[in-house]
Amino acid sequence: MAKERLYAMAAGGALEADTTFNIKCHCGGNAPIKPKSVKGYGFSKKGGPAKIVDILETECESCKTPITVHVIEGDPGYTLISNNGIDSLYLPQGSTSTPVSALSGKQRKKIIAKIQKQIGK
């Protein structure tokens, strides 16, 4: 049986500091990313076009689950995730935007509508 693999998104801007950035695992542990593997990333304006600039592999130090991290350029803020026709917000790890859980329902709906308009949905 194949080992479970997790996928995460990280804001590239969070990886600019010369310190290790930890991706949070579902078990509560950390999966470290060393900034040297992502040199040269710029911090783009929040809300600007987001593109994946690198895909990194790491693993949780606690449970050893492998994690694939999609690094998104700069700090794009919220991204839209669609599952079974239901759109919801996701905040890449390391983003400086307000956590989705701290937004009111009205705020979430407004942000979702804005993103849907931007992508022509």
PDB file of N, CA and C in Angstrom:
ATOM      1  N   MET A   1       0.838  -1.185   0.000  1.00  0.00           N
ATOM      2  CA  MET A   1       0.000   0.000   0.000  1.00  0.00           C
ATOM      3  C   MET A   1       0.888   1.254   0.000  1.00  0.00           C
ATOM      4  N   ALA A   2       0.566   2.208  -0.869  1.00  0.00           N
ATOM      5  CA  ALA A   2       1.353   3.429  -0.967  1.00  0.00           C
ATOM      6  C   ALA A   2       1.174   4.288   0.277  1.00  0.00           C
ATOM      7  N   LYS A   3       2.243   4.925   0.682  1.00  0.00           N
ATOM      8  CA  LYS A   3       2.198   5.812   1.834  1.00  0.00           C
ATOM      9  C   LYS A   3       1.431   7.076   1.466  1.00  0.00           C
ATOM     10  N   GLU A   4       0.642   7.574   2.416  1.00  0.00           N
ATOM     11  CA  GLU A   4      -0.098   8.812   2.203  1.00  0.00           C
ATOM     12  C   GLU A   4       0.865   9.940   1.865  1.00  0.00           C
ATOM     13  N   ARG A   5       0.451  10.833   0.978  1.00  0.00           N
ATOM     14  CA  ARG A   5       1.239  12.018   0.629  1.00  0.00           C
ATOM     15  C   ARG A   5       0.325  13.221   0.791  1.00  0.00           C
ATOM     16  N   LEU A   6       0.836  14.250   1.414  1.00  0.00           N
ATOM     17  CA  LEU A   6       0.084  15.485   1.575  1.00  0.00           C
ATOM     18  C   LEU A   6       0.573  16.514   0.566  1.00  0.00           C
ATOM     19  N   TYR A   7      -0.301  17.439   0.224  1.00  0.00           N
ATOM     20  CA  TYR A   7       0.034  18.536  -0.678  1.00  0.00           C
ATOM     21  C   TYR A   7      -0.297  19.836   0.037  1.00  0.00           C
ATOM     22  N   ALA A   8       0.574  20.816  -0.113  1.00  0.00           N
ATOM     23  CA  ALA A   8       0.368  22.106   0.540  1.00  0.00           C
ATOM     24  C   ALA A   8       0.793  23.220  -0.405  1.00  0.00           C
ATOM     25  N   MET A   9       0.317  24.429  -0.119  1.00  0.00           N
ATOM     26  CA  MET A   9       0.762  25.616  -0.837  1.00  0.00           C
ATOM     27  C   MET A   9       1.431  26.531   0.169  1.00  0.00           C
ATOM     28  N   ALA A  10       2.486  27.176  -0.262  1.00  0.00           N
ATOM     29  CA  ALA A  10       3.191  28.132   0.592  1.00  0.00           C
ATOM     30  C   ALA A  10       3.414  29.423  -0.176  1.00  0.00           C
ATOM     31  N   ALA A  11       3.288  30.541   0.523  1.00  0.00           N
ATOM     32  CA  ALA A  11       3.562  31.847  -0.071  1.00  0.00           C
ATOM     33  C   ALA A  11       5.074  32.008  -0.202  1.00  0.00           C
ATOM     34  N   GLY A  12       5.541  32.244  -1.409  1.00  0.00           N
ATOM     35  CA  GLY A  12       6.971  32.397  -1.649  1.00  0.00           C
ATOM     36  C   GLY A  12       7.592  33.497  -0.813  1.00  0.00           C
ATOM     37  N   GLY A  13       6.814  34.553  -0.524  1.00  0.00           N
ATOM     38  CA  GLY A  13       7.324  35.649   0.297  1.00  0.00           C
ATOM     39  C   GLY A  13       7.751  35.189   1.681  1.00  0.00           C
ATOM     40  N   ALA A  14       7.107  34.149   2.188  1.00  0.00           N
ATOM     41  CA  ALA A  14       7.444  33.637   3.520  1.00  0.00           C
ATOM     42  C   ALA A  14       8.786  32.927   3.518  1.00  0.00           C
ATOM     43  N   LEU A  15       9.256  32.568   2.343  1.00  0.00           N
ATOM     44  CA  LEU A  15      10.505  31.825   2.242  1.00  0.00           C
ATOM     45  C   LEU A  15      11.709  32.720   1.988  1.00  0.00           C
ATOM     46  N   GLU A  16      11.503  34.036   1.977  1.00  0.00           N
ATOM     47  CA  GLU A  16      12.598  34.955   1.694  1.00  0.00           C
ATOM     48  C   GLU A  16      13.548  35.137   2.864  1.00  0.00           C
ATOM     49  N   ALA A  17      13.047  35.053   4.077  1.00  0.00           N
ATOM     50  CA  ALA A  17      13.902  35.244   5.242  1.00  0.00           C
ATOM     51  C   ALA A  17      14.956  34.138   5.272  1.00  0.00           C
ATOM     52  N   ASP A  18      16.072  34.431   5.874  1.00  0.00           N
ATOM     53  CA  ASP A  18      17.149  33.448   5.906  1.00  0.00           C
ATOM     54  C   ASP A  18      16.978  32.499   7.094  1.00  0.00           C
ATOM     55  N   THR A  19      15.766  32.012   7.260  1.00  0.00           N
ATOM     56  CA  THR A  19      15.462  31.057   8.319  1.00  0.00           C
ATOM     57  C   THR A  19      14.661  29.911   7.717  1.00  0.00           C
ATOM     58  N   THR A  20      14.566  28.821   8.433  1.00  0.00           N
ATOM     59  CA  THR A  20      13.783  27.683   7.971  1.00  0.00           C
ATOM     60  C   THR A  20      12.300  27.993   8.154  1.00  0.00           C
ATOM     61  N   PHE A  21      11.510  27.657   7.139  1.00  0.00           N
ATOM     62  CA  PHE A  21      10.054  27.833   7.194  1.00  0.00           C
ATOM     63  C   PHE A  21       9.438  26.457   7.387  1.00  0.00           C
ATOM     64  N   ASN A  22       8.524  26.331   8.329  1.00  0.00           N
ATOM     65  CA  ASN A  22       7.896  25.039   8.607  1.00  0.00           C
ATOM     66  C   ASN A  22       6.502  24.945   8.002  1.00  0.00           C
ATOM     67  N   ILE A  23       6.302  23.940   7.179  1.00  0.00           N
ATOM     68  CA  ILE A  23       4.975  23.606   6.668  1.00  0.00           C
ATOM     69  C   ILE A  23       4.297  22.778   7.756  1.00  0.00           C
ATOM     70  N   LYS A  24       3.054  23.098   8.059  1.00  0.00           N
ATOM     71  CA  LYS A  24       2.313  22.362   9.081  1.00  0.00           C
ATOM     72  C   LYS A  24       1.718  21.091   8.478  1.00  0.00           C
ATOM     73  N   CYS A  25       1.919  19.992   9.172  1.00  0.00           N
ATOM     74  CA  CYS A  25       1.379  18.693   8.763  1.00  0.00           C
ATOM     75  C   CYS A  25       0.027  18.484   9.449  1.00  0.00           C
ATOM     76  N   HIS A  26      -0.780  17.606   8.887  1.00  0.00           N
ATOM     77  CA  HIS A  26      -2.085  17.295   9.484  1.00  0.00           C
ATOM     78  C   HIS A  26      -1.968  16.674  10.864  1.00  0.00           C
ATOM     79  N   CYS A  27      -0.830  16.057  11.160  1.00  0.00           N
ATOM     80  CA  CYS A  27      -0.650  15.438  12.479  1.00  0.00           C
ATOM     81  C   CYS A  27      -0.302  16.475  13.540  1.00  0.00           C
ATOM     82  N   GLY A  28      -0.028  17.717  13.113  1.00  0.00           N
ATOM     83  CA  GLY A  28       0.374  18.767  14.037  1.00  0.00           C
ATOM     84  C   GLY A  28       1.875  19.007  14.031  1.00  0.00           C
ATOM     85  N   GLY A  29       2.618  18.159  13.345  1.00  0.00           N
ATOM     86  CA  GLY A  29       4.065  18.305  13.262  1.00  0.00           C
ATOM     87  C   GLY A  29       4.481  19.310  12.207  1.00  0.00           C
ATOM     88  N   ASN A  30       5.774  19.456  12.031  1.00  0.00           N
ATOM     89  CA  ASN A  30       6.338  20.396  11.067  1.00  0.00           C
ATOM     90  C   ASN A  30       7.163  19.680  10.013  1.00  0.00           C
ATOM     91  N   ALA A  31       7.145  20.254   8.814  1.00  0.00           N
ATOM     92  CA  ALA A  31       7.981  19.785   7.714  1.00  0.00           C
ATOM     93  C   ALA A  31       8.818  20.978   7.273  1.00  0.00           C
ATOM     94  N   PRO A  32      10.112  20.990   7.580  1.00  0.00           N
ATOM     95  CA  PRO A  32      10.930  22.175   7.313  1.00  0.00           C
ATOM     96  C   PRO A  32      11.293  22.366   5.843  1.00  0.00           C
ATOM     97  N   ILE A  33      11.328  23.632   5.439  1.00  0.00           N
ATOM     98  CA  ILE A  33      11.826  24.020   4.123  1.00  0.00           C
ATOM     99  C   ILE A  33      12.967  24.992   4.373  1.00  0.00           C
ATOM    100  N   LYS A  34      14.100  24.709   3.781  1.00  0.00           N
ATOM    101  CA  LYS A  34      15.272  25.580   3.917  1.00  0.00           C
ATOM    102  C   LYS A  34      15.212  26.657   2.842  1.00  0.00           C
ATOM    103  N   PRO A  35      15.367  27.925   3.207  1.00  0.00           N
ATOM    104  CA  PRO A  35      15.257  29.014   2.230  1.00  0.00           C
ATOM    105  C   PRO A  35      16.261  28.929   1.086  1.00  0.00           C
ATOM    106  N   LYS A  36      17.379  28.295   1.287  1.00  0.00           N
ATOM    107  CA  LYS A  36      18.380  28.208   0.218  1.00  0.00           C
ATOM    108  C   LYS A  36      17.823  27.512  -1.023  1.00  0.00           C
ATOM    109  N   SER A  37      16.795  26.682  -0.855  1.00  0.00           N
ATOM    110  CA  SER A  37      16.216  25.981  -2.003  1.00  0.00           C
ATOM    111  C   SER A  37      15.264  26.857  -2.806  1.00  0.00           C
ATOM    112  N   VAL A  38      14.966  28.059  -2.322  1.00  0.00           N
ATOM    113  CA  VAL A  38      14.031  28.942  -3.013  1.00  0.00           C
ATOM    114  C   VAL A  38      14.596  30.348  -3.199  1.00  0.00           C
ATOM    115  N   LYS A  39      15.887  30.481  -3.343  1.00  0.00           N
ATOM    116  CA  LYS A  39      16.520  31.798  -3.521  1.00  0.00           C
ATOM    117  C   LYS A  39      15.975  32.503  -4.758  1.00  0.00           C
ATOM    118  N   GLY A  40      15.907  33.825  -4.655  1.00  0.00           N
ATOM    119  CA  GLY A  40      15.554  34.635  -5.810  1.00  0.00           C
ATOM    120  C   GLY A  40      14.080  34.945  -5.943  1.00  0.00           C
ATOM    121  N   TYR A  41      13.251  34.483  -5.020  1.00  0.00           N
ATOM    122  CA  TYR A  41      11.837  34.803  -5.134  1.00  0.00           C
ATOM    123  C   TYR A  41      11.583  36.230  -4.695  1.00  0.00           C
ATOM    124  N   GLY A  42      10.765  36.937  -5.448  1.00  0.00           N
ATOM    125  CA  GLY A  42      10.373  38.291  -5.083  1.00  0.00           C
ATOM    126  C   GLY A  42       9.059  38.263  -4.330  1.00  0.00           C
ATOM    127  N   PHE A  43       8.786  39.318  -3.623  1.00  0.00           N
ATOM    128  CA  PHE A  43       7.529  39.429  -2.888  1.00  0.00           C
ATOM    129  C   PHE A  43       6.587  40.254  -3.739  1.00  0.00           C
ATOM    130  N   SER A  44       5.586  39.608  -4.339  1.00  0.00           N
ATOM    131  CA  SER A  44       4.690  40.333  -5.237  1.00  0.00           C
ATOM    132  C   SER A  44       3.559  40.983  -4.442  1.00  0.00           C
ATOM    133  N   LYS A  45       2.894  41.932  -5.064  1.00  0.00           N
ATOM    134  CA  LYS A  45       1.776  42.632  -4.436  1.00  0.00           C
ATOM    135  C   LYS A  45       0.678  41.636  -4.078  1.00  0.00           C
ATOM    136  N   LYS A  46       0.175  41.732  -2.871  1.00  0.00           N
ATOM    137  CA  LYS A  46      -0.896  40.840  -2.440  1.00  0.00           C
ATOM    138  C   LYS A  46      -2.097  40.996  -3.374  1.00  0.00           C
ATOM    139  N   GLY A  47      -2.666  39.888  -3.767  1.00  0.00           N
ATOM    140  CA  GLY A  47      -3.828  39.921  -4.642  1.00  0.00           C
ATOM    141  C   GLY A  47      -3.465  39.937  -6.121  1.00  0.00           C
ATOM    142  N   GLY A  48      -2.185  39.960  -6.417  1.00  0.00           N
ATOM    143  CA  GLY A  48      -1.741  39.955  -7.810  1.00  0.00           C
ATOM    144  C   GLY A  48      -1.842  38.560  -8.398  1.00  0.00           C
ATOM    145  N   PRO A  49      -1.453  38.410  -9.643  1.00  0.00           N
ATOM    146  CA  PRO A  49      -1.535  37.085 -10.258  1.00  0.00           C
ATOM    147  C   PRO A  49      -0.626  36.097  -9.524  1.00  0.00           C
ATOM    148  N   ALA A  50      -1.146  34.936  -9.245  1.00  0.00           N
ATOM    149  CA  ALA A  50      -0.380  33.919  -8.524  1.00  0.00           C
ATOM    150  C   ALA A  50       0.056  32.842  -9.501  1.00  0.00           C
ATOM    151  N   LYS A  51       1.299  32.480  -9.427  1.00  0.00           N
ATOM    152  CA  LYS A  51       1.761  31.365 -10.234  1.00  0.00           C
ATOM    153  C   LYS A  51       2.683  30.510  -9.371  1.00  0.00           C
ATOM    154  N   ILE A  52       2.672  29.229  -9.641  1.00  0.00           N
ATOM    155  CA  ILE A  52       3.538  28.327  -8.913  1.00  0.00           C
ATOM    156  C   ILE A  52       4.941  28.508  -9.464  1.00  0.00           C
ATOM    157  N   VAL A  53       5.885  28.828  -8.579  1.00  0.00           N
ATOM    158  CA  VAL A  53       7.255  29.075  -9.033  1.00  0.00           C
ATOM    159  C   VAL A  53       8.199  27.941  -8.671  1.00  0.00           C
ATOM    160  N   ASP A  54       7.766  27.035  -7.842  1.00  0.00           N
ATOM    161  CA  ASP A  54       8.603  25.894  -7.507  1.00  0.00           C
ATOM    162  C   ASP A  54       7.754  24.827  -6.837  1.00  0.00           C
ATOM    163  N   ILE A  55       8.198  23.612  -6.942  1.00  0.00           N
ATOM    164  CA  ILE A  55       7.568  22.495  -6.236  1.00  0.00           C
ATOM    165  C   ILE A  55       8.671  21.834  -5.423  1.00  0.00           C
ATOM    166  N   LEU A  56       8.486  21.814  -4.116  1.00  0.00           N
ATOM    167  CA  LEU A  56       9.491  21.283  -3.213  1.00  0.00           C
ATOM    168  C   LEU A  56       8.974  20.033  -2.528  1.00  0.00           C
ATOM    169  N   GLU A  57       9.879  19.182  -2.171  1.00  0.00           N
ATOM    170  CA  GLU A  57       9.521  17.959  -1.444  1.00  0.00           C
ATOM    171  C   GLU A  57      10.132  18.026  -0.045  1.00  0.00           C
ATOM    172  N   THR A  58       9.365  17.672   0.947  1.00  0.00           N
ATOM    173  CA  THR A  58       9.840  17.613   2.321  1.00  0.00           C
ATOM    174  C   THR A  58       9.069  16.507   3.017  1.00  0.00           C
ATOM    175  N   GLU A  59       9.315  16.312   4.300  1.00  0.00           N
ATOM    176  CA  GLU A  59       8.528  15.340   5.051  1.00  0.00           C
ATOM    177  C   GLU A  59       8.354  15.835   6.468  1.00  0.00           C
ATOM    178  N   CYS A  60       7.266  15.404   7.084  1.00  0.00           N
ATOM    179  CA  CYS A  60       6.967  15.780   8.454  1.00  0.00           C
ATOM    180  C   CYS A  60       8.005  15.143   9.382  1.00  0.00           C
ATOM    181  N   GLU A  61       8.539  15.948  10.287  1.00  0.00           N
ATOM    182  CA  GLU A  61       9.522  15.428  11.233  1.00  0.00           C
ATOM    183  C   GLU A  61       8.890  14.474  12.243  1.00  0.00           C
ATOM    184  N   SER A  62       7.579  14.631  12.498  1.00  0.00           N
ATOM    185  CA  SER A  62       6.915  13.797  13.500  1.00  0.00           C
ATOM    186  C   SER A  62       6.453  12.454  12.948  1.00  0.00           C
ATOM    187  N   CYS A  63       5.649  12.488  11.870  1.00  0.00           N
ATOM    188  CA  CYS A  63       5.044  11.243  11.371  1.00  0.00           C
ATOM    189  C   CYS A  63       5.699  10.715  10.099  1.00  0.00           C
ATOM    190  N   LYS A  64       6.646  11.484   9.547  1.00  0.00           N
ATOM    191  CA  LYS A  64       7.401  11.097   8.343  1.00  0.00           C
ATOM    192  C   LYS A  64       6.569  11.056   7.065  1.00  0.00           C
ATOM    193  N   THR A  65       5.381  11.645   7.092  1.00  0.00           N
ATOM    194  CA  THR A  65       4.560  11.707   5.883  1.00  0.00           C
ATOM    195  C   THR A  65       5.236  12.624   4.865  1.00  0.00           C
ATOM    196  N   PRO A  66       5.397  12.175   3.613  1.00  0.00           N
ATOM    197  CA  PRO A  66       5.978  13.048   2.591  1.00  0.00           C
ATOM    198  C   PRO A  66       4.986  14.164   2.219  1.00  0.00           C
ATOM    199  N   ILE A  67       5.516  15.355   1.990  1.00  0.00           N
ATOM    200  CA  ILE A  67       4.678  16.505   1.658  1.00  0.00           C
ATOM    201  C   ILE A  67       5.247  17.188   0.418  1.00  0.00           C
ATOM    202  N   THR A  68       4.399  17.381  -0.581  1.00  0.00           N
ATOM    203  CA  THR A  68       4.744  18.142  -1.773  1.00  0.00           C
ATOM    204  C   THR A  68       4.233  19.561  -1.557  1.00  0.00           C
ATOM    205  N   VAL A  69       5.127  20.543  -1.654  1.00  0.00           N
ATOM    206  CA  VAL A  69       4.777  21.939  -1.401  1.00  0.00           C
ATOM    207  C   VAL A  69       4.846  22.717  -2.709  1.00  0.00           C
ATOM    208  N   HIS A  70       3.734  23.310  -3.094  1.00  0.00           N
ATOM    209  CA  HIS A  70       3.675  24.182  -4.259  1.00  0.00           C
ATOM    210  C   HIS A  70       3.926  25.596  -3.760  1.00  0.00           C
ATOM    211  N   VAL A  71       5.040  26.184  -4.165  1.00  0.00           N
ATOM    212  CA  VAL A  71       5.391  27.533  -3.737  1.00  0.00           C
ATOM    213  C   VAL A  71       4.795  28.513  -4.736  1.00  0.00           C
ATOM    214  N   ILE A  72       3.970  29.409  -4.219  1.00  0.00           N
ATOM    215  CA  ILE A  72       3.297  30.400  -5.053  1.00  0.00           C
ATOM    216  C   ILE A  72       4.064  31.706  -4.954  1.00  0.00           C
ATOM    217  N   GLU A  73       4.245  32.363  -6.075  1.00  0.00           N
ATOM    218  CA  GLU A  73       5.036  33.588  -6.134  1.00  0.00           C
ATOM    219  C   GLU A  73       4.511  34.639  -5.159  1.00  0.00           C
ATOM    220  N   GLY A  74       5.442  35.236  -4.409  1.00  0.00           N
ATOM    221  CA  GLY A  74       5.109  36.337  -3.504  1.00  0.00           C
ATOM    222  C   GLY A  74       4.155  35.931  -2.405  1.00  0.00           C
ATOM    223  N   ASP A  75       3.184  36.785  -2.149  1.00  0.00           N
ATOM    224  CA  ASP A  75       2.129  36.517  -1.167  1.00  0.00           C
ATOM    225  C   ASP A  75       0.803  36.842  -1.845  1.00  0.00           C
ATOM    226  N   PRO A  76       0.206  35.862  -2.525  1.00  0.00           N
ATOM    227  CA  PRO A  76      -0.993  36.141  -3.307  1.00  0.00           C
ATOM    228  C   PRO A  76      -2.258  36.338  -2.483  1.00  0.00           C
ATOM    229  N   GLY A  77      -2.180  36.108  -1.187  1.00  0.00           N
ATOM    230  CA  GLY A  77      -3.398  36.191  -0.378  1.00  0.00           C
ATOM    231  C   GLY A  77      -4.198  34.917  -0.559  1.00  0.00           C
ATOM    232  N   TYR A  78      -5.505  35.044  -0.691  1.00  0.00           N
ATOM    233  CA  TYR A  78      -6.389  33.886  -0.745  1.00  0.00           C
ATOM    234  C   TYR A  78      -6.409  33.234  -2.119  1.00  0.00           C
ATOM    235  N   THR A  79      -6.585  31.928  -2.120  1.00  0.00           N
ATOM    236  CA  THR A  79      -6.801  31.198  -3.367  1.00  0.00           C
ATOM    237  C   THR A  79      -8.156  30.512  -3.263  1.00  0.00           C
ATOM    238  N   LEU A  80      -8.742  30.225  -4.397  1.00  0.00           N
ATOM    239  CA  LEU A  80     -10.053  29.597  -4.440  1.00  0.00           C
ATOM    240  C   LEU A  80      -9.901  28.112  -4.707  1.00  0.00           C
ATOM    241  N   ILE A  81     -10.503  27.312  -3.849  1.00  0.00           N
ATOM    242  CA  ILE A  81     -10.486  25.862  -3.989  1.00  0.00           C
ATOM    243  C   ILE A  81     -11.922  25.422  -4.269  1.00  0.00           C
ATOM    244  N   SER A  82     -12.101  24.583  -5.271  1.00  0.00           N
ATOM    245  CA  SER A  82     -13.429  24.092  -5.612  1.00  0.00           C
ATOM    246  C   SER A  82     -13.480  22.579  -5.432  1.00  0.00           C
ATOM    247  N   ASN A  83     -14.478  22.110  -4.709  1.00  0.00           N
ATOM    248  CA  ASN A  83     -14.645  20.681  -4.460  1.00  0.00           C
ATOM    249  C   ASN A  83     -16.127  20.336  -4.586  1.00  0.00           C
ATOM    250  N   ASN A  84     -16.446  19.477  -5.536  1.00  0.00           N
ATOM    251  CA  ASN A  84     -17.842  19.082  -5.781  1.00  0.00           C
ATOM    252  C   ASN A  84     -18.744  20.289  -6.004  1.00  0.00           C
ATOM    253  N   GLY A  85     -18.235  21.295  -6.733  1.00  0.00           N
ATOM    254  CA  GLY A  85     -19.036  22.464  -7.071  1.00  0.00           C
ATOM    255  C   GLY A  85     -19.144  23.499  -5.963  1.00  0.00           C
ATOM    256  N   ILE A  86     -18.469  23.282  -4.852  1.00  0.00           N
ATOM    257  CA  ILE A  86     -18.499  24.237  -3.745  1.00  0.00           C
ATOM    258  C   ILE A  86     -17.155  24.960  -3.690  1.00  0.00           C
ATOM    259  N   ASP A  87     -17.201  26.287  -3.824  1.00  0.00           N
ATOM    260  CA  ASP A  87     -15.988  27.095  -3.771  1.00  0.00           C
ATOM    261  C   ASP A  87     -15.710  27.515  -2.336  1.00  0.00           C
ATOM    262  N   SER A  88     -14.457  27.426  -1.936  1.00  0.00           N
ATOM    263  CA  SER A  88     -14.064  27.887  -0.612  1.00  0.00           C
ATOM    264  C   SER A  88     -12.685  28.525  -0.690  1.00  0.00           C
ATOM    265  N   LEU A  89     -12.355  29.295   0.327  1.00  0.00           N
ATOM    266  CA  LEU A  89     -11.081  29.995   0.364  1.00  0.00           C
ATOM    267  C   LEU A  89     -10.012  29.141   1.017  1.00  0.00           C
ATOM    268  N   TYR A  90      -8.809  29.302   0.531  1.00  0.00           N
ATOM    269  CA  TYR A  90      -7.644  28.650   1.117  1.00  0.00           C
ATOM    270  C   TYR A  90      -6.557  29.709   1.215  1.00  0.00           C
ATOM    271  N   LEU A  91      -5.842  29.722   2.308  1.00  0.00           N
ATOM    272  CA  LEU A  91      -4.745  30.657   2.489  1.00  0.00           C
ATOM    273  C   LEU A  91      -3.439  29.881   2.487  1.00  0.00           C
ATOM    274  N   PRO A  92      -2.570  30.123   1.501  1.00  0.00           N
ATOM    275  CA  PRO A  92      -1.285  29.419   1.492  1.00  0.00           C
ATOM    276  C   PRO A  92      -0.538  29.653   2.802  1.00  0.00           C
ATOM    277  N   GLN A  93       0.144  28.634   3.265  1.00  0.00           N
ATOM    278  CA  GLN A  93       0.898  28.770   4.499  1.00  0.00           C
ATOM    279  C   GLN A  93       1.953  29.855   4.341  1.00  0.00           C
ATOM    280  N   GLY A  94       2.102  30.667   5.366  1.00  0.00           N
ATOM    281  CA  GLY A  94       3.073  31.757   5.335  1.00  0.00           C
ATOM    282  C   GLY A  94       2.527  33.065   4.799  1.00  0.00           C
ATOM    283  N   SER A  95       1.282  33.090   4.354  1.00  0.00           N
ATOM    284  CA  SER A  95       0.686  34.324   3.856  1.00  0.00           C
ATOM    285  C   SER A  95       0.461  35.295   5.015  1.00  0.00           C
ATOM    286  N   THR A  96       0.500  36.589   4.706  1.00  0.00           N
ATOM    287  CA  THR A  96       0.269  37.607   5.729  1.00  0.00           C
ATOM    288  C   THR A  96      -1.193  38.026   5.820  1.00  0.00           C
ATOM    289  N   SER A  97      -2.070  37.448   5.002  1.00  0.00           N
ATOM    290  CA  SER A  97      -3.491  37.785   5.049  1.00  0.00           C
ATOM    291  C   SER A  97      -4.144  37.207   6.305  1.00  0.00           C
ATOM    292  N   THR A  98      -5.287  37.743   6.649  1.00  0.00           N
ATOM    293  CA  THR A  98      -6.048  37.259   7.801  1.00  0.00           C
ATOM    294  C   THR A  98      -6.431  35.801   7.575  1.00  0.00           C
ATOM    295  N   PRO A  99      -6.239  34.942   8.574  1.00  0.00           N
ATOM    296  CA  PRO A  99      -6.633  33.534   8.407  1.00  0.00           C
ATOM    297  C   PRO A  99      -8.112  33.407   8.020  1.00  0.00           C
ATOM    298  N   VAL A 100      -8.414  32.461   7.159  1.00  0.00           N
ATOM    299  CA  VAL A 100      -9.779  32.259   6.687  1.00  0.00           C
ATOM    300  C   VAL A 100     -10.729  32.049   7.875  1.00  0.00           C
ATOM    301  N   SER A 101     -10.283  31.333   8.887  1.00  0.00           N
ATOM    302  CA  SER A 101     -11.134  31.051  10.056  1.00  0.00           C
ATOM    303  C   SER A 101     -11.491  32.313  10.843  1.00  0.00           C
ATOM    304  N   ALA A 102     -10.730  33.398  10.657  1.00  0.00           N
ATOM    305  CA  ALA A 102     -11.000  34.644  11.366  1.00  0.00           C
ATOM    306  C   ALA A 102     -11.924  35.577  10.579  1.00  0.00           C
ATOM    307  N   LEU A 103     -12.257  35.207   9.342  1.00  0.00           N
ATOM    308  CA  LEU A 103     -13.154  36.015   8.518  1.00  0.00           C
ATOM    309  C   LEU A 103     -14.604  35.688   8.837  1.00  0.00           C
ATOM    310  N   SER A 104     -15.457  36.692   8.731  1.00  0.00           N
ATOM    311  CA  SER A 104     -16.891  36.448   8.879  1.00  0.00           C
ATOM    312  C   SER A 104     -17.406  35.773   7.609  1.00  0.00           C
ATOM    313  N   GLY A 105     -18.577  35.182   7.685  1.00  0.00           N
ATOM    314  CA  GLY A 105     -19.186  34.565   6.501  1.00  0.00           C
ATOM    315  C   GLY A 105     -19.365  35.579   5.385  1.00  0.00           C
ATOM    316  N   LYS A 106     -19.752  36.798   5.749  1.00  0.00           N
ATOM    317  CA  LYS A 106     -19.953  37.854   4.758  1.00  0.00           C
ATOM    318  C   LYS A 106     -18.625  38.210   4.076  1.00  0.00           C
ATOM    319  N   GLN A 107     -17.546  38.299   4.859  1.00  0.00           N
ATOM    320  CA  GLN A 107     -16.231  38.602   4.287  1.00  0.00           C
ATOM    321  C   GLN A 107     -15.787  37.499   3.334  1.00  0.00           C
ATOM    322  N   ARG A 108     -15.977  36.243   3.742  1.00  0.00           N
ATOM    323  CA  ARG A 108     -15.589  35.116   2.882  1.00  0.00           C
ATOM    324  C   ARG A 108     -16.343  35.161   1.561  1.00  0.00           C
ATOM    325  N   LYS A 109     -17.657  35.376   1.628  1.00  0.00           N
ATOM    326  CA  LYS A 109     -18.467  35.432   0.405  1.00  0.00           C
ATOM    327  C   LYS A 109     -18.013  36.553  -0.520  1.00  0.00           C
ATOM    328  N   LYS A 110     -17.667  37.701   0.064  1.00  0.00           N
ATOM    329  CA  LYS A 110     -17.223  38.844  -0.741  1.00  0.00           C
ATOM    330  C   LYS A 110     -15.899  38.525  -1.445  1.00  0.00           C
ATOM    331  N   ILE A 111     -14.964  37.910  -0.729  1.00  0.00           N
ATOM    332  CA  ILE A 111     -13.670  37.563  -1.316  1.00  0.00           C
ATOM    333  C   ILE A 111     -13.845  36.496  -2.398  1.00  0.00           C
ATOM    334  N   ILE A 112     -14.689  35.501  -2.135  1.00  0.00           N
ATOM    335  CA  ILE A 112     -14.953  34.455  -3.131  1.00  0.00           C
ATOM    336  C   ILE A 112     -15.543  35.065  -4.395  1.00  0.00           C
ATOM    337  N   ALA A 113     -16.521  35.968  -4.239  1.00  0.00           N
ATOM    338  CA  ALA A 113     -17.142  36.611  -5.408  1.00  0.00           C
ATOM    339  C   ALA A 113     -16.113  37.409  -6.212  1.00  0.00           C
ATOM    340  N   LYS A 114     -15.195  38.092  -5.516  1.00  0.00           N
ATOM    341  CA  LYS A 114     -14.163  38.878  -6.203  1.00  0.00           C
ATOM    342  C   LYS A 114     -13.235  37.961  -6.999  1.00  0.00           C
ATOM    343  N   ILE A 115     -12.818  36.868  -6.396  1.00  0.00           N
ATOM    344  CA  ILE A 115     -11.922  35.932  -7.109  1.00  0.00           C
ATOM    345  C   ILE A 115     -12.651  35.301  -8.283  1.00  0.00           C
ATOM    346  N   GLN A 116     -13.913  34.898  -8.088  1.00  0.00           N
ATOM    347  CA  GLN A 116     -14.686  34.303  -9.174  1.00  0.00           C
ATOM    348  C   GLN A 116     -14.795  35.272 -10.357  1.00  0.00           C
ATOM    349  N   LYS A 117     -14.985  36.543 -10.069  1.00  0.00           N
ATOM    350  CA  LYS A 117     -15.066  37.559 -11.129  1.00  0.00           C
ATOM    351  C   LYS A 117     -13.722  37.664 -11.860  1.00  0.00           C
ATOM    352  N   GLN A 118     -12.616  37.639 -11.079  1.00  0.00           N
ATOM    353  CA  GLN A 118     -11.286  37.758 -11.685  1.00  0.00           C
ATOM    354  C   GLN A 118     -10.974  36.603 -12.626  1.00  0.00           C
ATOM    355  N   ILE A 119     -11.470  35.417 -12.299  1.00  0.00           N
ATOM    356  CA  ILE A 119     -11.166  34.250 -13.133  1.00  0.00           C
ATOM    357  C   ILE A 119     -12.273  33.946 -14.143  1.00  0.00           C
ATOM    358  N   GLY A 120     -13.308  34.801 -14.162  1.00  0.00           N
ATOM    359  CA  GLY A 120     -14.379  34.647 -15.130  1.00  0.00           C
ATOM    360  C   GLY A 120     -15.284  33.465 -14.844  1.00  0.00           C
ATOM    361  N   LYS A 121     -15.501  33.189 -13.598  1.00  0.00           N
ATOM    362  CA  LYS A 121     -16.344  32.053 -13.224  1.00  0.00           C
ATOM    363  C   LYS A 121     -17.754  32.511 -12.911  1.00  0.00           C
TER     364      LYS A 121
END
